Amino acid sequence: MPKSTGPVELKTTSGAVLPIVALPQQALLAVNEHDVELIENALGEGIHFKPLRLDLERNEWVVKAVLEPGRSLPMHYHTGPVDLWTTAGAWYYAEYPDQVQRAGGYLYEPGGSVHTLIACDDTDEDTVLYVRVTGSNVNFNEDGSFHSILDTLLLRHLVDALATTPPNYIEGGEAGFTEATPAGRS
């Protein structure tokens, strides 16, 4: 897709000019998750994901996550908010074992929340989640020591390293310079 050319007048379908400017859009920014490769065991045995949007500049990511029964993510701290939709299976947080999340559920996690996600092991069905994260997951070991950081950069690295076909996801941002050479650069 060509780089944006800057703000333009916005018109209705009848041609009337609206009193706002908008960025020109050459096509809808859409992917079908069926066309995106599942990156298997990328975050541990039995933990898979499909990248849908990876925005390196904003550190925002949208993925389809698939956890096999009984699999879990390390305890983690969110640096920003999370929207999470459960479409299959069931899971819970170790810290809230009586609040099992099931297919059809939506969960909002504010920045600063801490928890340990566990896919229920009393089912034959994988747990499937659609997750939108702003920021990073700072992961911890059971003893409270630092484990790792899960963010857009790591997800992008995993896709680049593990995908067997060219990845098909939405990227974000257009950082760069204008046509003029910035001061101090040649």
Protein backbone atom coordinates (compact mmCIF):
# COMPACT_ATOMS: atom_id res chain seq x y z
CA MET A 1 0.00 0.00 0.00
CA PRO A 2 1.43 3.41 -0.90
CA LYS A 3 2.39 5.78 1.88
CA SER A 4 -0.22 8.38 2.85
CA THR A 5 -0.05 11.62 0.89
CA GLY A 6 -1.42 13.77 3.71
CA PRO A 7 -4.82 15.14 4.67
CA VAL A 8 -7.56 15.40 2.03
CA GLU A 9 -11.13 16.68 1.86
CA LEU A 10 -13.65 14.08 2.89
CA LYS A 11 -16.83 13.72 0.84
CA THR A 12 -20.05 11.84 1.36
CA THR A 13 -21.10 9.22 -1.17
CA SER A 14 -23.23 11.92 -2.88
CA GLY A 15 -20.17 14.18 -3.23
CA ALA A 16 -20.93 16.72 -0.48
CA VAL A 17 -17.77 18.03 1.19
CA LEU A 18 -17.58 17.49 4.94
CA PRO A 19 -16.09 20.18 7.22
CA ILE A 20 -13.15 17.93 8.22
CA VAL A 21 -10.01 16.60 6.63
CA ALA A 22 -9.01 12.94 6.68
CA LEU A 23 -6.09 10.76 5.73
CA PRO A 24 -6.57 9.12 2.35
CA GLN A 25 -7.10 5.39 2.60
CA GLN A 26 -6.34 3.27 -0.45
CA ALA A 27 -8.02 0.12 0.92
CA LEU A 28 -9.58 -1.25 4.07
CA LEU A 29 -7.05 -2.40 6.63
CA ALA A 30 -8.48 -5.87 7.08
CA VAL A 31 -7.17 -9.40 7.35
CA ASN A 32 -9.05 -12.66 7.59
CA GLU A 33 -7.61 -14.74 10.42
CA HIS A 34 -8.11 -17.83 8.23
CA ASP A 35 -5.42 -16.39 5.92
CA VAL A 36 -2.91 -15.88 8.74
CA GLU A 37 -0.53 -18.68 9.74
CA LEU A 38 -0.79 -20.04 13.28
CA ILE A 39 2.65 -19.65 14.88
CA GLU A 40 2.77 -22.86 16.90
CA ASN A 41 4.42 -23.26 20.31
CA ALA A 42 5.85 -19.74 20.00
CA LEU A 43 5.17 -18.78 23.60
CA GLY A 44 5.66 -22.21 25.11
CA GLU A 45 4.54 -25.76 24.41
CA GLY A 46 0.85 -25.71 23.48
CA ILE A 47 0.62 -21.90 23.25
CA HIS A 48 0.10 -20.62 19.71
CA PHE A 49 -0.83 -17.30 18.13
CA LYS A 50 -1.84 -15.63 14.89
CA PRO A 51 -0.70 -12.02 14.43
CA LEU A 52 -3.54 -9.81 13.23
CA ARG A 53 -2.02 -6.37 13.91
CA LEU A 54 1.49 -5.61 15.14
CA ASP A 55 2.18 -1.88 15.53
CA LEU A 56 5.82 -1.48 16.56
CA GLU A 57 5.64 2.30 17.05
CA ARG A 58 2.64 2.29 19.39
CA ASN A 59 3.50 -1.09 20.92
CA GLU A 60 -0.03 -2.28 20.24
CA TRP A 61 -0.81 -5.82 19.19
CA VAL A 62 -3.85 -7.80 18.25
CA VAL A 63 -3.54 -11.58 18.11
CA LYS A 64 -5.61 -14.69 18.05
CA ALA A 65 -4.20 -16.84 20.88
CA VAL A 66 -4.78 -20.58 21.13
CA LEU A 67 -3.95 -22.42 24.36
CA GLU A 68 -4.20 -26.17 24.62
CA PRO A 69 -5.99 -27.48 27.75
CA GLY A 70 -3.96 -26.98 30.93
CA ARG A 71 -1.44 -24.57 29.40
CA SER A 72 -0.66 -21.30 31.14
CA LEU A 73 1.14 -18.02 30.69
CA PRO A 74 3.56 -16.78 33.35
CA MET A 75 2.32 -14.29 35.92
CA HIS A 76 2.49 -10.95 34.17
CA TYR A 77 2.06 -7.23 34.74
CA HIS A 78 0.36 -5.15 32.01
CA THR A 79 1.91 -1.77 31.20
CA GLY A 80 -1.28 -0.77 29.36
CA PRO A 81 -4.89 -1.88 28.92
CA VAL A 82 -6.06 -5.15 27.35
CA ASP A 83 -9.31 -6.14 25.63
CA LEU A 84 -9.84 -9.90 25.52
CA TRP A 85 -12.60 -11.93 23.86
CA THR A 86 -13.01 -15.67 24.53
CA THR A 87 -14.43 -17.52 21.51
CA ALA A 88 -13.83 -21.16 22.49
CA GLY A 89 -12.83 -23.16 25.55
CA ALA A 90 -12.47 -21.81 29.06
CA TRP A 91 -9.76 -20.23 31.19
CA TYR A 92 -9.23 -18.45 34.48
CA TYR A 93 -6.66 -16.44 36.38
CA ALA A 94 -4.84 -18.31 39.15
CA GLU A 95 -5.55 -15.26 41.31
CA TYR A 96 -9.33 -15.53 40.61
CA PRO A 97 -10.00 -19.29 40.28
CA ASP A 98 -13.76 -18.94 40.81
CA GLN A 99 -14.19 -16.54 37.87
CA VAL A 100 -13.84 -18.87 34.88
CA GLN A 101 -14.09 -17.12 31.51
CA ARG A 102 -15.94 -19.02 28.77
CA ALA A 103 -16.75 -18.71 25.08
CA GLY A 104 -18.73 -15.56 24.42
CA GLY A 105 -17.03 -13.62 27.22
CA TYR A 106 -15.31 -10.25 27.02
CA LEU A 107 -12.80 -9.11 29.63
CA TYR A 108 -11.16 -5.72 30.11
CA GLU A 109 -7.84 -5.53 31.95
CA PRO A 110 -6.65 -2.07 33.03
CA GLY A 111 -2.99 -1.15 32.78
CA GLY A 112 -1.20 -2.20 35.96
CA SER A 113 -3.16 -5.41 36.41
CA VAL A 114 -1.26 -8.57 37.39
CA HIS A 115 -2.41 -12.15 36.85
CA THR A 116 -1.60 -15.68 35.65
CA LEU A 117 -3.75 -17.00 32.78
CA ILE A 118 -4.51 -20.74 32.82
CA ALA A 119 -6.49 -22.65 30.18
CA CYS A 120 -8.89 -25.08 31.87
CA ASP A 121 -7.67 -28.66 31.69
CA ASP A 122 -11.08 -30.33 32.10
CA THR A 123 -11.99 -29.95 28.42
CA ASP A 124 -10.99 -31.50 25.11
CA GLU A 125 -11.27 -28.10 23.46
CA ASP A 126 -8.52 -25.54 22.95
CA THR A 127 -9.08 -22.12 24.49
CA VAL A 128 -9.24 -19.45 21.79
CA LEU A 129 -8.82 -15.77 22.64
CA TYR A 130 -8.73 -12.60 20.57
CA VAL A 131 -6.52 -10.16 22.44
CA ARG A 132 -5.81 -6.45 21.90
CA VAL A 133 -2.91 -5.19 24.02
CA THR A 134 -1.52 -1.70 24.37
CA GLY A 135 1.95 -1.93 25.89
CA SER A 136 3.82 -4.93 27.20
CA ASN A 137 3.42 -7.92 29.45
CA VAL A 138 6.22 -8.01 32.00
CA ASN A 139 6.45 -11.70 32.90
CA PHE A 140 7.65 -13.15 36.21
CA ASN A 141 8.84 -16.54 37.44
CA GLU A 142 7.04 -18.26 40.29
CA ASP A 143 9.66 -16.93 42.75
CA GLY A 144 8.89 -13.35 41.68
CA SER A 145 12.04 -12.86 39.63
CA PHE A 146 11.93 -11.37 36.15
CA HIS A 147 11.14 -13.85 33.35
CA SER A 148 10.68 -11.89 30.10
CA ILE A 149 8.83 -9.14 28.28
CA LEU A 150 6.14 -9.92 25.74
CA ASP A 151 5.55 -7.00 23.42
CA THR A 152 5.05 -6.16 19.76
CA LEU A 153 8.76 -6.37 19.02
CA LEU A 154 9.06 -9.91 20.40
CA LEU A 155 5.90 -11.02 18.58
CA ARG A 156 7.26 -9.57 15.34
CA HIS A 157 10.56 -11.40 15.91
CA LEU A 158 8.73 -14.68 16.56
CA VAL A 159 6.65 -14.30 13.40
CA ASP A 160 9.73 -13.47 11.32
CA ALA A 161 11.67 -16.41 12.79
CA LEU A 162 8.95 -19.07 12.89
CA ALA A 163 6.46 -18.41 10.10
CA THR A 164 6.73 -20.87 7.22
CA THR A 165 4.87 -18.56 4.82
CA PRO A 166 5.14 -14.78 4.37
CA PRO A 167 3.16 -13.22 7.22
CA ASN A 168 -0.10 -11.45 6.46
CA TYR A 169 -1.03 -9.00 9.21
CA ILE A 170 -1.66 -5.29 9.62
CA GLU A 171 1.33 -3.19 10.58
CA GLY A 172 1.18 0.23 12.14
CA GLY A 173 2.88 3.55 11.94
CA GLU A 174 4.78 5.36 9.26
CA ALA A 175 7.75 6.82 11.11
CA GLY A 176 10.21 8.56 8.92
CA PHE A 177 11.36 11.93 7.66
CA THR A 178 9.57 14.37 5.43
CA GLU A 179 11.12 15.19 2.08
CA ALA A 180 13.26 17.93 3.68
CA THR A 181 16.53 16.74 5.23
CA PRO A 182 16.34 17.23 9.02
CA ALA A 183 18.85 19.48 10.73
CA GLY A 184 22.12 17.74 11.56
CA ARG A 185 21.66 15.01 8.92
CA SER A 186 23.27 14.84 5.56
